[in-house]
């Protein structure tokens, strides 16, 4: 029963999610991560996490429009 419900949910999500919607969601998640990392005083996470976010943006062509 659970497997069938999960399968139906995944199927519904796949029909609903468009490339633009996914790109906007990924931008929102990356913005959240970048803001949190920039808000800390640790230079280590700035040196590690921010370049990873930049690579993800470049790889999936997700501009930072804010």
N, C-alpha and C. Protein backbone atom coordinates (compact mmCIF):
# COMPACT_ATOMS: atom_id res chain seq x y z
N UNK A 1 0.81 -1.19 0.00
CA UNK A 1 0.00 0.00 0.00
C UNK A 1 0.86 1.26 0.00
N UNK A 2 1.90 1.30 0.89
CA UNK A 2 2.77 2.46 0.96
C UNK A 2 3.52 2.66 -0.35
N UNK A 3 3.99 1.58 -0.92
CA UNK A 3 4.75 1.66 -2.17
C UNK A 3 3.88 2.23 -3.29
N UNK A 4 2.62 1.84 -3.31
CA UNK A 4 1.71 2.33 -4.35
C UNK A 4 1.46 3.83 -4.17
N UNK A 5 1.26 4.26 -2.92
CA UNK A 5 1.05 5.68 -2.65
C UNK A 5 2.28 6.51 -3.00
N UNK A 6 3.45 6.01 -2.65
CA UNK A 6 4.69 6.71 -2.98
C UNK A 6 4.86 6.79 -4.49
N UNK A 7 4.56 5.72 -5.18
CA UNK A 7 4.64 5.71 -6.63
C UNK A 7 3.70 6.71 -7.26
N UNK A 8 2.49 6.81 -6.73
CA UNK A 8 1.53 7.78 -7.24
C UNK A 8 1.99 9.21 -6.97
N UNK A 9 2.56 9.43 -5.80
CA UNK A 9 3.05 10.76 -5.45
C UNK A 9 4.20 11.17 -6.35
N UNK A 10 5.14 10.29 -6.58
CA UNK A 10 6.26 10.58 -7.46
C UNK A 10 5.78 10.85 -8.88
N UNK A 11 4.84 10.06 -9.34
CA UNK A 11 4.27 10.25 -10.67
C UNK A 11 3.61 11.62 -10.79
N UNK A 12 2.87 12.01 -9.79
CA UNK A 12 2.21 13.31 -9.78
C UNK A 12 3.23 14.44 -9.77
N UNK A 13 4.26 14.30 -8.96
CA UNK A 13 5.31 15.32 -8.92
C UNK A 13 6.02 15.46 -10.26
N UNK A 14 6.29 14.35 -10.92
CA UNK A 14 6.97 14.38 -12.20
C UNK A 14 6.13 15.08 -13.26
N UNK A 15 4.83 14.96 -13.18
CA UNK A 15 3.94 15.63 -14.13
C UNK A 15 3.82 17.12 -13.82
N UNK A 16 3.92 17.47 -12.55
CA UNK A 16 3.72 18.85 -12.11
C UNK A 16 4.97 19.71 -12.27
N UNK A 17 6.12 19.13 -11.99
CA UNK A 17 7.35 19.90 -12.00
C UNK A 17 7.85 20.16 -13.42
N UNK A 18 7.96 21.42 -13.75
CA UNK A 18 8.49 21.82 -15.05
C UNK A 18 9.95 22.21 -14.87
N UNK A 19 10.72 22.27 -15.95
CA UNK A 19 12.11 22.69 -15.82
C UNK A 19 12.26 24.08 -15.18
N UNK A 20 11.40 25.02 -15.54
CA UNK A 20 11.48 26.36 -14.94
C UNK A 20 11.16 26.33 -13.46
N UNK A 21 10.18 25.54 -13.08
CA UNK A 21 9.82 25.43 -11.66
C UNK A 21 10.97 24.81 -10.87
N UNK A 22 11.58 23.78 -11.41
CA UNK A 22 12.72 23.15 -10.74
C UNK A 22 13.89 24.12 -10.63
N UNK A 23 14.14 24.89 -11.68
CA UNK A 23 15.23 25.86 -11.67
C UNK A 23 14.98 26.93 -10.61
N UNK A 24 13.74 27.40 -10.52
CA UNK A 24 13.40 28.40 -9.50
C UNK A 24 13.54 27.83 -8.09
N UNK A 25 13.14 26.58 -7.91
CA UNK A 25 13.29 25.93 -6.61
C UNK A 25 14.76 25.78 -6.24
N UNK A 26 15.58 25.34 -7.21
CA UNK A 26 17.01 25.19 -6.95
C UNK A 26 17.64 26.55 -6.62
N UNK A 27 17.22 27.61 -7.31
CA UNK A 27 17.72 28.95 -7.01
C UNK A 27 17.36 29.35 -5.59
N UNK A 28 16.14 29.06 -5.18
CA UNK A 28 15.69 29.38 -3.83
C UNK A 28 16.53 28.64 -2.78
N UNK A 29 16.79 27.36 -3.02
CA UNK A 29 17.59 26.57 -2.08
C UNK A 29 19.03 27.10 -2.03
N UNK A 30 19.60 27.38 -3.19
CA UNK A 30 20.97 27.90 -3.23
C UNK A 30 21.05 29.27 -2.56
N UNK A 31 20.07 30.13 -2.78
CA UNK A 31 20.03 31.44 -2.11
C UNK A 31 20.00 31.26 -0.59
N UNK A 32 19.18 30.34 -0.12
CA UNK A 32 19.07 30.08 1.32
C UNK A 32 20.42 29.64 1.88
N UNK A 33 21.07 28.69 1.21
CA UNK A 33 22.36 28.18 1.68
C UNK A 33 23.40 29.30 1.66
N UNK A 34 23.47 30.03 0.56
CA UNK A 34 24.45 31.11 0.44
C UNK A 34 24.26 32.18 1.51
N UNK A 35 23.02 32.56 1.78
CA UNK A 35 22.74 33.56 2.81
C UNK A 35 23.15 33.07 4.19
N UNK A 36 22.88 31.82 4.48
CA UNK A 36 23.25 31.27 5.79
C UNK A 36 24.77 31.19 5.94
N UNK A 37 25.45 30.79 4.89
CA UNK A 37 26.90 30.67 4.95
C UNK A 37 27.54 32.05 5.10
N UNK A 38 27.04 33.02 4.36
CA UNK A 38 27.58 34.38 4.45
C UNK A 38 27.28 35.00 5.81
N UNK A 39 26.25 34.54 6.49
CA UNK A 39 25.87 35.07 7.79
C UNK A 39 26.69 34.55 8.94
N UNK A 40 27.52 33.56 8.70
CA UNK A 40 28.36 33.02 9.77
C UNK A 40 29.71 33.74 9.78
N UNK A 41 30.42 33.60 10.87
CA UNK A 41 31.74 34.23 10.99
C UNK A 41 32.86 33.30 10.58
N UNK A 42 32.53 32.09 10.24
CA UNK A 42 33.54 31.09 9.88
C UNK A 42 33.99 31.27 8.43
N UNK A 43 35.29 31.46 8.21
CA UNK A 43 35.79 31.58 6.83
C UNK A 43 35.88 30.22 6.13
N UNK A 44 35.85 29.16 6.91
CA UNK A 44 35.98 27.82 6.34
C UNK A 44 34.78 27.47 5.47
N UNK A 45 33.58 27.71 5.98
CA UNK A 45 32.40 27.38 5.18
C UNK A 45 32.30 28.31 3.97
N UNK A 46 32.77 29.55 4.09
CA UNK A 46 32.80 30.45 2.93
C UNK A 46 33.71 29.89 1.84
N UNK A 47 34.81 29.32 2.25
CA UNK A 47 35.79 28.79 1.29
C UNK A 47 35.36 27.47 0.68
N UNK A 48 34.46 26.76 1.34
CA UNK A 48 34.05 25.44 0.84
C UNK A 48 32.66 25.48 0.19
N UNK A 49 31.68 25.98 0.91
CA UNK A 49 30.29 25.91 0.47
C UNK A 49 29.99 26.88 -0.66
N UNK A 50 30.45 28.11 -0.58
CA UNK A 50 30.14 29.09 -1.62
C UNK A 50 30.68 28.68 -3.00
N UNK A 51 31.90 28.17 -3.10
CA UNK A 51 32.34 27.68 -4.42
C UNK A 51 31.52 26.50 -4.94
N UNK A 52 31.07 25.65 -4.05
CA UNK A 52 30.21 24.53 -4.47
C UNK A 52 28.89 25.06 -5.01
N UNK A 53 28.32 26.04 -4.32
CA UNK A 53 27.07 26.65 -4.80
C UNK A 53 27.29 27.29 -6.17
N UNK A 54 28.43 27.94 -6.33
CA UNK A 54 28.75 28.57 -7.61
C UNK A 54 28.89 27.53 -8.72
N UNK A 55 29.50 26.41 -8.41
CA UNK A 55 29.65 25.33 -9.40
C UNK A 55 28.28 24.76 -9.78
N UNK A 56 27.41 24.59 -8.82
CA UNK A 56 26.05 24.09 -9.10
C UNK A 56 25.31 25.07 -9.99
N UNK A 57 25.42 26.36 -9.67
CA UNK A 57 24.76 27.37 -10.50
C UNK A 57 25.28 27.33 -11.93
N UNK A 58 26.59 27.20 -12.09
CA UNK A 58 27.17 27.14 -13.42
C UNK A 58 26.79 25.88 -14.18
N UNK A 59 26.80 24.75 -13.49
CA UNK A 59 26.52 23.47 -14.14
C UNK A 59 25.08 23.37 -14.63
N UNK A 60 24.16 23.96 -13.86
CA UNK A 60 22.75 23.86 -14.22
C UNK A 60 22.17 25.17 -14.76
N UNK A 61 23.06 26.13 -15.03
CA UNK A 61 22.66 27.43 -15.59
C UNK A 61 21.55 28.08 -14.74
N UNK A 62 21.86 28.23 -13.46
CA UNK A 62 20.94 28.85 -12.52
C UNK A 62 21.54 30.20 -12.11
N UNK A 63 21.07 31.28 -12.72
CA UNK A 63 21.64 32.59 -12.39
C UNK A 63 21.27 33.03 -10.97
N UNK A 64 22.15 33.82 -10.37
CA UNK A 64 21.90 34.38 -9.05
C UNK A 64 21.31 35.77 -9.26
N UNK A 65 20.00 35.86 -9.36
CA UNK A 65 19.33 37.09 -9.72
C UNK A 65 18.94 37.97 -8.55
N UNK A 66 19.53 37.76 -7.38
CA UNK A 66 19.11 38.62 -6.27
C UNK A 66 20.21 39.51 -5.80
